Amino acid sequence: MAGRKPFEPTEKQRITVAAMAACGMPQDMICSKIKNPQTGKAVDTKTLRAAFRVELKEAKALASAMVAQNLFQHAMGKGREAVTAGIFWMKCQAGWKEAQKVELTGKDGAPIQNVNMTPEEFREIARQLLEEV
């Protein structure tokens, strides 16, 4: 007794898988839209990965390239949207990052002086500062 023929995807199914994968749809959701004509049932994820390996791999890369191109076009434009897109692009592609710099100074902006004091002296200064508040 011969077994079932292996699943052979149609061109329409390949386009469907590529489009859904490009949009970031989960594989189980893609499976629900791809029917095996021999069984009339949706394919499982193992069959999806085997039969549509190229579509799953390439679709995501193509979609990312298209989004990057669109972002780049916005970044090269004018107005608030261009500034936001440009900053995002520079952070992701050019290594820009936001850094916070914290500077500590002494009284009236003078440098902090290294002072050696006993714990009792420290507590006394802290008590005086708290009384001023």
N, C-alpha and C. Protein backbone atom coordinates (compact mmCIF):
# COMPACT_ATOMS: atom_id res chain seq x y z
N MET A 1 0.85 -1.18 0.00
CA MET A 1 0.00 0.00 0.00
C MET A 1 0.90 1.24 0.00
N ALA A 2 0.70 2.12 -0.97
CA ALA A 2 1.53 3.31 -1.11
C ALA A 2 1.04 4.40 -0.17
N GLY A 3 1.99 5.17 0.34
CA GLY A 3 1.65 6.28 1.23
C GLY A 3 1.21 7.50 0.44
N ARG A 4 0.84 8.51 1.15
CA ARG A 4 0.40 9.76 0.55
C ARG A 4 1.58 10.45 -0.13
N LYS A 5 1.30 11.16 -1.22
CA LYS A 5 2.34 11.92 -1.90
C LYS A 5 2.75 13.09 -1.00
N PRO A 6 4.02 13.48 -1.09
CA PRO A 6 4.45 14.63 -0.28
C PRO A 6 3.71 15.91 -0.70
N PHE A 7 3.56 16.80 0.25
CA PHE A 7 2.88 18.07 0.00
C PHE A 7 3.67 18.89 -1.02
N GLU A 8 2.98 19.38 -2.03
CA GLU A 8 3.58 20.24 -3.07
C GLU A 8 2.88 21.59 -3.06
N PRO A 9 3.56 22.65 -2.62
CA PRO A 9 2.91 23.95 -2.55
C PRO A 9 2.64 24.55 -3.94
N THR A 10 1.55 25.29 -4.02
CA THR A 10 1.22 26.00 -5.25
C THR A 10 1.89 27.37 -5.23
N GLU A 11 1.92 28.01 -6.37
CA GLU A 11 2.50 29.36 -6.44
C GLU A 11 1.70 30.33 -5.57
N LYS A 12 0.38 30.18 -5.58
CA LYS A 12 -0.48 31.04 -4.76
C LYS A 12 -0.16 30.84 -3.27
N GLN A 13 0.04 29.60 -2.85
CA GLN A 13 0.40 29.33 -1.45
C GLN A 13 1.75 29.94 -1.10
N ARG A 14 2.70 29.87 -2.03
CA ARG A 14 4.03 30.46 -1.78
C ARG A 14 3.92 31.98 -1.57
N ILE A 15 3.08 32.62 -2.39
CA ILE A 15 2.88 34.07 -2.25
C ILE A 15 2.20 34.39 -0.92
N THR A 16 1.20 33.59 -0.56
CA THR A 16 0.49 33.79 0.71
C THR A 16 1.44 33.67 1.89
N VAL A 17 2.26 32.61 1.88
CA VAL A 17 3.20 32.40 2.99
C VAL A 17 4.20 33.56 3.05
N ALA A 18 4.74 33.96 1.90
CA ALA A 18 5.71 35.05 1.88
C ALA A 18 5.09 36.34 2.41
N ALA A 19 3.88 36.65 1.99
CA ALA A 19 3.22 37.88 2.43
C ALA A 19 2.95 37.85 3.93
N MET A 20 2.46 36.73 4.43
CA MET A 20 2.16 36.63 5.86
C MET A 20 3.43 36.67 6.70
N ALA A 21 4.46 35.97 6.25
CA ALA A 21 5.73 35.96 6.98
C ALA A 21 6.36 37.35 6.98
N ALA A 22 6.26 38.06 5.87
CA ALA A 22 6.82 39.41 5.78
C ALA A 22 6.15 40.35 6.77
N CYS A 23 4.87 40.13 7.04
CA CYS A 23 4.14 40.97 7.99
C CYS A 23 4.35 40.53 9.44
N GLY A 24 5.12 39.48 9.64
CA GLY A 24 5.42 39.03 11.01
C GLY A 24 4.37 38.12 11.62
N MET A 25 3.53 37.52 10.79
CA MET A 25 2.50 36.62 11.33
C MET A 25 3.15 35.38 11.92
N PRO A 26 2.64 34.88 13.04
CA PRO A 26 3.17 33.64 13.63
C PRO A 26 2.95 32.45 12.69
N GLN A 27 3.86 31.49 12.76
CA GLN A 27 3.78 30.36 11.85
C GLN A 27 2.49 29.55 12.02
N ASP A 28 1.97 29.44 13.22
CA ASP A 28 0.72 28.67 13.37
C ASP A 28 -0.45 29.37 12.68
N MET A 29 -0.41 30.69 12.62
CA MET A 29 -1.45 31.43 11.91
C MET A 29 -1.29 31.25 10.40
N ILE A 30 -0.04 31.23 9.93
CA ILE A 30 0.21 30.99 8.51
C ILE A 30 -0.29 29.59 8.14
N CYS A 31 0.01 28.62 8.98
CA CYS A 31 -0.44 27.24 8.73
C CYS A 31 -1.95 27.17 8.53
N SER A 32 -2.68 27.94 9.31
CA SER A 32 -4.14 27.87 9.22
C SER A 32 -4.67 28.33 7.87
N LYS A 33 -3.88 29.04 7.10
CA LYS A 33 -4.29 29.53 5.78
C LYS A 33 -3.77 28.68 4.63
N ILE A 34 -2.97 27.68 4.93
CA ILE A 34 -2.40 26.82 3.88
C ILE A 34 -2.98 25.42 4.03
N LYS A 35 -3.83 25.04 3.08
CA LYS A 35 -4.50 23.73 3.12
C LYS A 35 -3.75 22.72 2.26
N ASN A 36 -3.67 21.52 2.76
CA ASN A 36 -3.12 20.41 1.99
C ASN A 36 -4.29 19.85 1.17
N PRO A 37 -4.20 19.90 -0.17
CA PRO A 37 -5.35 19.44 -0.98
C PRO A 37 -5.65 17.96 -0.80
N GLN A 38 -4.68 17.17 -0.38
CA GLN A 38 -4.91 15.73 -0.19
C GLN A 38 -5.77 15.45 1.04
N THR A 39 -5.62 16.30 2.06
CA THR A 39 -6.36 16.06 3.30
C THR A 39 -7.47 17.09 3.53
N GLY A 40 -7.35 18.23 2.89
CA GLY A 40 -8.31 19.31 3.11
C GLY A 40 -8.07 20.04 4.42
N LYS A 41 -6.99 19.70 5.10
CA LYS A 41 -6.68 20.30 6.40
C LYS A 41 -5.48 21.24 6.28
N ALA A 42 -5.37 22.11 7.27
CA ALA A 42 -4.23 23.02 7.32
C ALA A 42 -2.94 22.22 7.52
N VAL A 43 -1.85 22.71 6.93
CA VAL A 43 -0.56 22.05 7.13
C VAL A 43 -0.07 22.32 8.55
N ASP A 44 0.81 21.47 9.05
CA ASP A 44 1.39 21.71 10.38
C ASP A 44 2.67 22.52 10.21
N THR A 45 3.24 22.96 11.32
CA THR A 45 4.43 23.83 11.25
C THR A 45 5.63 23.10 10.66
N LYS A 46 5.73 21.80 10.89
CA LYS A 46 6.83 21.03 10.31
C LYS A 46 6.75 21.05 8.78
N THR A 47 5.56 20.83 8.24
CA THR A 47 5.36 20.87 6.79
C THR A 47 5.60 22.28 6.26
N LEU A 48 5.09 23.28 6.99
CA LEU A 48 5.28 24.68 6.58
C LEU A 48 6.77 24.99 6.44
N ARG A 49 7.55 24.65 7.44
CA ARG A 49 8.98 24.96 7.43
C ARG A 49 9.71 24.20 6.32
N ALA A 50 9.28 22.98 6.05
CA ALA A 50 9.93 22.19 5.00
C ALA A 50 9.55 22.67 3.60
N ALA A 51 8.28 22.93 3.39
CA ALA A 51 7.80 23.26 2.05
C ALA A 51 8.02 24.73 1.68
N PHE A 52 8.11 25.59 2.68
CA PHE A 52 8.21 27.03 2.41
C PHE A 52 9.45 27.64 3.06
N ARG A 53 10.52 26.88 3.14
CA ARG A 53 11.75 27.33 3.80
C ARG A 53 12.25 28.65 3.23
N VAL A 54 12.31 28.74 1.92
CA VAL A 54 12.83 29.95 1.26
C VAL A 54 11.92 31.14 1.52
N GLU A 55 10.62 30.95 1.38
CA GLU A 55 9.67 32.05 1.59
C GLU A 55 9.75 32.59 3.02
N LEU A 56 9.83 31.67 3.99
CA LEU A 56 9.90 32.10 5.39
C LEU A 56 11.18 32.88 5.66
N LYS A 57 12.27 32.44 5.07
CA LYS A 57 13.57 33.09 5.31
C LYS A 57 13.66 34.44 4.59
N GLU A 58 13.30 34.47 3.35
CA GLU A 58 13.51 35.66 2.53
C GLU A 58 12.47 36.76 2.77
N ALA A 59 11.25 36.39 3.11
CA ALA A 59 10.19 37.38 3.26
C ALA A 59 10.50 38.38 4.36
N LYS A 60 11.00 37.91 5.47
CA LYS A 60 11.30 38.80 6.60
C LYS A 60 12.41 39.79 6.22
N ALA A 61 13.43 39.29 5.52
CA ALA A 61 14.53 40.17 5.10
C ALA A 61 14.04 41.22 4.11
N LEU A 62 13.19 40.83 3.18
CA LEU A 62 12.65 41.76 2.21
C LEU A 62 11.78 42.82 2.89
N ALA A 63 10.94 42.40 3.81
CA ALA A 63 10.08 43.36 4.52
C ALA A 63 10.93 44.33 5.32
N SER A 64 11.97 43.85 5.99
CA SER A 64 12.84 44.73 6.77
C SER A 64 13.54 45.73 5.86
N ALA A 65 13.96 45.29 4.69
CA ALA A 65 14.61 46.21 3.74
C ALA A 65 13.63 47.28 3.28
N MET A 66 12.39 46.90 3.04
CA MET A 66 11.39 47.87 2.60
C MET A 66 11.08 48.90 3.71
N VAL A 67 10.99 48.44 4.95
CA VAL A 67 10.73 49.35 6.06
C VAL A 67 11.93 50.29 6.25
N ALA A 68 13.14 49.75 6.16
CA ALA A 68 14.34 50.59 6.29
C ALA A 68 14.38 51.65 5.19
N GLN A 69 14.02 51.26 3.97
CA GLN A 69 14.00 52.22 2.87
C GLN A 69 12.97 53.32 3.13
N ASN A 70 11.79 52.94 3.62
CA ASN A 70 10.75 53.91 3.92
C ASN A 70 11.20 54.85 5.04
N LEU A 71 11.81 54.29 6.10
CA LEU A 71 12.31 55.09 7.21
C LEU A 71 13.37 56.07 6.71
N PHE A 72 14.26 55.58 5.85
CA PHE A 72 15.31 56.43 5.31
C PHE A 72 14.70 57.60 4.52
N GLN A 73 13.68 57.32 3.72
CA GLN A 73 13.02 58.38 2.95
C GLN A 73 12.39 59.42 3.88
N HIS A 74 11.78 58.96 4.98
CA HIS A 74 11.21 59.90 5.95
C HIS A 74 12.32 60.71 6.61
N ALA A 75 13.42 60.05 6.96
CA ALA A 75 14.53 60.73 7.62
C ALA A 75 15.15 61.81 6.72
N MET A 76 15.07 61.62 5.43
CA MET A 76 15.64 62.58 4.48
C MET A 76 14.65 63.70 4.14
N GLY A 77 13.45 63.62 4.69
CA GLY A 77 12.44 64.64 4.41
C GLY A 77 12.59 65.87 5.29
N LYS A 78 11.49 66.56 5.49
CA LYS A 78 11.49 67.78 6.30
C LYS A 78 10.39 67.67 7.35
N GLY A 79 10.55 68.44 8.41
CA GLY A 79 9.53 68.51 9.44
C GLY A 79 9.81 67.58 10.61
N ARG A 80 8.85 67.57 11.54
CA ARG A 80 8.99 66.82 12.79
C ARG A 80 9.18 65.32 12.53
N GLU A 81 8.42 64.78 11.59
CA GLU A 81 8.53 63.35 11.27
C GLU A 81 9.94 62.99 10.80
N ALA A 82 10.55 63.89 10.03
CA ALA A 82 11.91 63.65 9.54
C ALA A 82 12.92 63.66 10.67
N VAL A 83 12.73 64.55 11.63
CA VAL A 83 13.65 64.61 12.76
C VAL A 83 13.57 63.31 13.57
N THR A 84 12.36 62.88 13.87
CA THR A 84 12.18 61.64 14.63
C THR A 84 12.78 60.45 13.89
N ALA A 85 12.48 60.33 12.59
CA ALA A 85 13.01 59.23 11.80
C ALA A 85 14.53 59.31 11.72
N GLY A 86 15.06 60.52 11.56
CA GLY A 86 16.51 60.68 11.48
C GLY A 86 17.22 60.28 12.76
N ILE A 87 16.67 60.69 13.88
CA ILE A 87 17.27 60.31 15.17
C ILE A 87 17.23 58.79 15.35
N PHE A 88 16.07 58.19 15.03
CA PHE A 88 15.95 56.73 15.15
C PHE A 88 16.98 56.04 14.26
N TRP A 89 17.10 56.50 13.02
CA TRP A 89 18.06 55.92 12.08
C TRP A 89 19.48 56.02 12.64
N MET A 90 19.84 57.18 13.13
CA MET A 90 21.20 57.38 13.62
C MET A 90 21.49 56.51 14.86
N LYS A 91 20.49 56.33 15.71
CA LYS A 91 20.69 55.47 16.88
C LYS A 91 20.90 54.02 16.45
N CYS A 92 20.09 53.56 15.49
CA CYS A 92 20.16 52.16 15.09
C CYS A 92 21.30 51.87 14.12
N GLN A 93 21.59 52.81 13.24
CA GLN A 93 22.54 52.54 12.16
C GLN A 93 23.90 53.20 12.35
N ALA A 94 23.97 54.27 13.13
CA ALA A 94 25.22 55.01 13.23
C ALA A 94 25.80 55.04 14.64
N GLY A 95 25.20 54.26 15.54
CA GLY A 95 25.76 54.14 16.89
C GLY A 95 25.48 55.29 17.82
N TRP A 96 24.58 56.19 17.44
CA TRP A 96 24.22 57.25 18.37
C TRP A 96 23.55 56.65 19.58
N LYS A 97 23.74 57.29 20.73
CA LYS A 97 23.04 56.85 21.93
C LYS A 97 22.82 58.05 22.84
N GLU A 98 21.80 57.94 23.63
CA GLU A 98 21.53 58.99 24.60
C GLU A 98 22.29 58.66 25.86
N ALA A 99 23.02 59.64 26.35
CA ALA A 99 23.80 59.43 27.57
C ALA A 99 23.41 60.49 28.58
N GLN A 100 23.38 60.10 29.80
CA GLN A 100 23.12 61.06 30.86
C GLN A 100 24.43 61.32 31.58
N LYS A 101 24.71 62.57 31.83
CA LYS A 101 25.93 62.95 32.52
C LYS A 101 25.51 63.58 33.84
N VAL A 102 26.03 63.06 34.93
CA VAL A 102 25.71 63.58 36.24
C VAL A 102 26.97 64.20 36.81
N GLU A 103 26.88 65.49 37.15
CA GLU A 103 28.02 66.17 37.73
C GLU A 103 27.68 66.51 39.17
N LEU A 104 28.60 66.26 40.04
CA LEU A 104 28.42 66.60 41.45
C LEU A 104 29.41 67.69 41.80
N THR A 105 28.92 68.72 42.49
CA THR A 105 29.80 69.80 42.90
C THR A 105 29.57 70.10 44.36
N GLY A 106 30.53 70.81 44.88
CA GLY A 106 30.41 71.25 46.26
C GLY A 106 29.59 72.53 46.34
N LYS A 107 29.72 73.23 47.45
CA LYS A 107 28.95 74.44 47.69
C LYS A 107 29.25 75.49 46.62
N ASP A 108 28.17 76.10 46.11
CA ASP A 108 28.26 77.15 45.08
C ASP A 108 29.04 76.71 43.85
N GLY A 109 28.96 75.43 43.50
CA GLY A 109 29.60 74.93 42.28
C GLY A 109 31.08 74.61 42.42
N ALA A 110 31.60 74.77 43.63
CA ALA A 110 33.03 74.49 43.84
C ALA A 110 33.26 72.98 43.79
N PRO A 111 34.50 72.56 43.54
CA PRO A 111 34.77 71.12 43.53
C PRO A 111 34.49 70.48 44.88
N ILE A 112 34.13 69.23 44.84
CA ILE A 112 33.93 68.48 46.07
C ILE A 112 35.29 68.21 46.66
N GLN A 113 35.43 68.51 47.92
CA GLN A 113 36.71 68.28 48.58
C GLN A 113 36.65 66.96 49.33
N ASN A 114 37.72 66.23 49.24
CA ASN A 114 37.80 64.97 49.96
C ASN A 114 38.07 65.28 51.42
N VAL A 115 37.12 64.97 52.25
CA VAL A 115 37.24 65.28 53.67
C VAL A 115 37.18 63.98 54.46
N ASN A 116 38.16 63.82 55.33
CA ASN A 116 38.14 62.66 56.23
C ASN A 116 37.44 63.08 57.52
N MET A 117 36.42 62.33 57.90
CA MET A 117 35.73 62.63 59.15
C MET A 117 35.29 61.34 59.81
N THR A 118 35.07 61.43 61.06
CA THR A 118 34.61 60.27 61.82
C THR A 118 33.12 60.10 61.57
N PRO A 119 32.59 58.92 61.86
CA PRO A 119 31.15 58.73 61.72
C PRO A 119 30.35 59.71 62.57
N GLU A 120 30.87 60.07 63.74
CA GLU A 120 30.16 61.02 64.60
C GLU A 120 30.11 62.40 63.95
N GLU A 121 31.23 62.82 63.35
CA GLU A 121 31.25 64.12 62.67
C GLU A 121 30.27 64.12 61.49
N PHE A 122 30.24 63.02 60.75
CA PHE A 122 29.32 62.90 59.61
C PHE A 122 27.87 63.02 60.06
N ARG A 123 27.54 62.31 61.14
CA ARG A 123 26.16 62.37 61.66
C ARG A 123 25.80 63.79 62.10
N GLU A 124 26.75 64.50 62.70
CA GLU A 124 26.49 65.87 63.15
C GLU A 124 26.20 66.79 61.94
N ILE A 125 26.99 66.64 60.88
CA ILE A 125 26.76 67.46 59.68
C ILE A 125 25.41 67.11 59.06
N ALA A 126 25.10 65.82 59.00
CA ALA A 126 23.81 65.38 58.44
C ALA A 126 22.67 65.95 59.27
N ARG A 127 22.81 65.94 60.61
CA ARG A 127 21.77 66.48 61.48
C ARG A 127 21.57 67.97 61.23
N GLN A 128 22.66 68.68 61.05
CA GLN A 128 22.56 70.13 60.79
C GLN A 128 21.88 70.40 59.44
N LEU A 129 22.22 69.61 58.45
CA LEU A 129 21.59 69.78 57.13
C LEU A 129 20.09 69.50 57.18
N LEU A 130 19.72 68.49 57.94
CA LEU A 130 18.31 68.16 58.07
C LEU A 130 17.54 69.24 58.80
N GLU A 131 18.19 69.90 59.75
CA GLU A 131 17.52 70.98 60.48
C GLU A 131 17.25 72.16 59.56
N GLU A 132 18.09 72.35 58.53
CA GLU A 132 17.91 73.48 57.61
C GLU A 132 16.71 73.25 56.69
N VAL A 133 16.31 72.02 56.53
CA VAL A 133 15.21 71.70 55.61
C VAL A 133 13.89 72.01 56.17
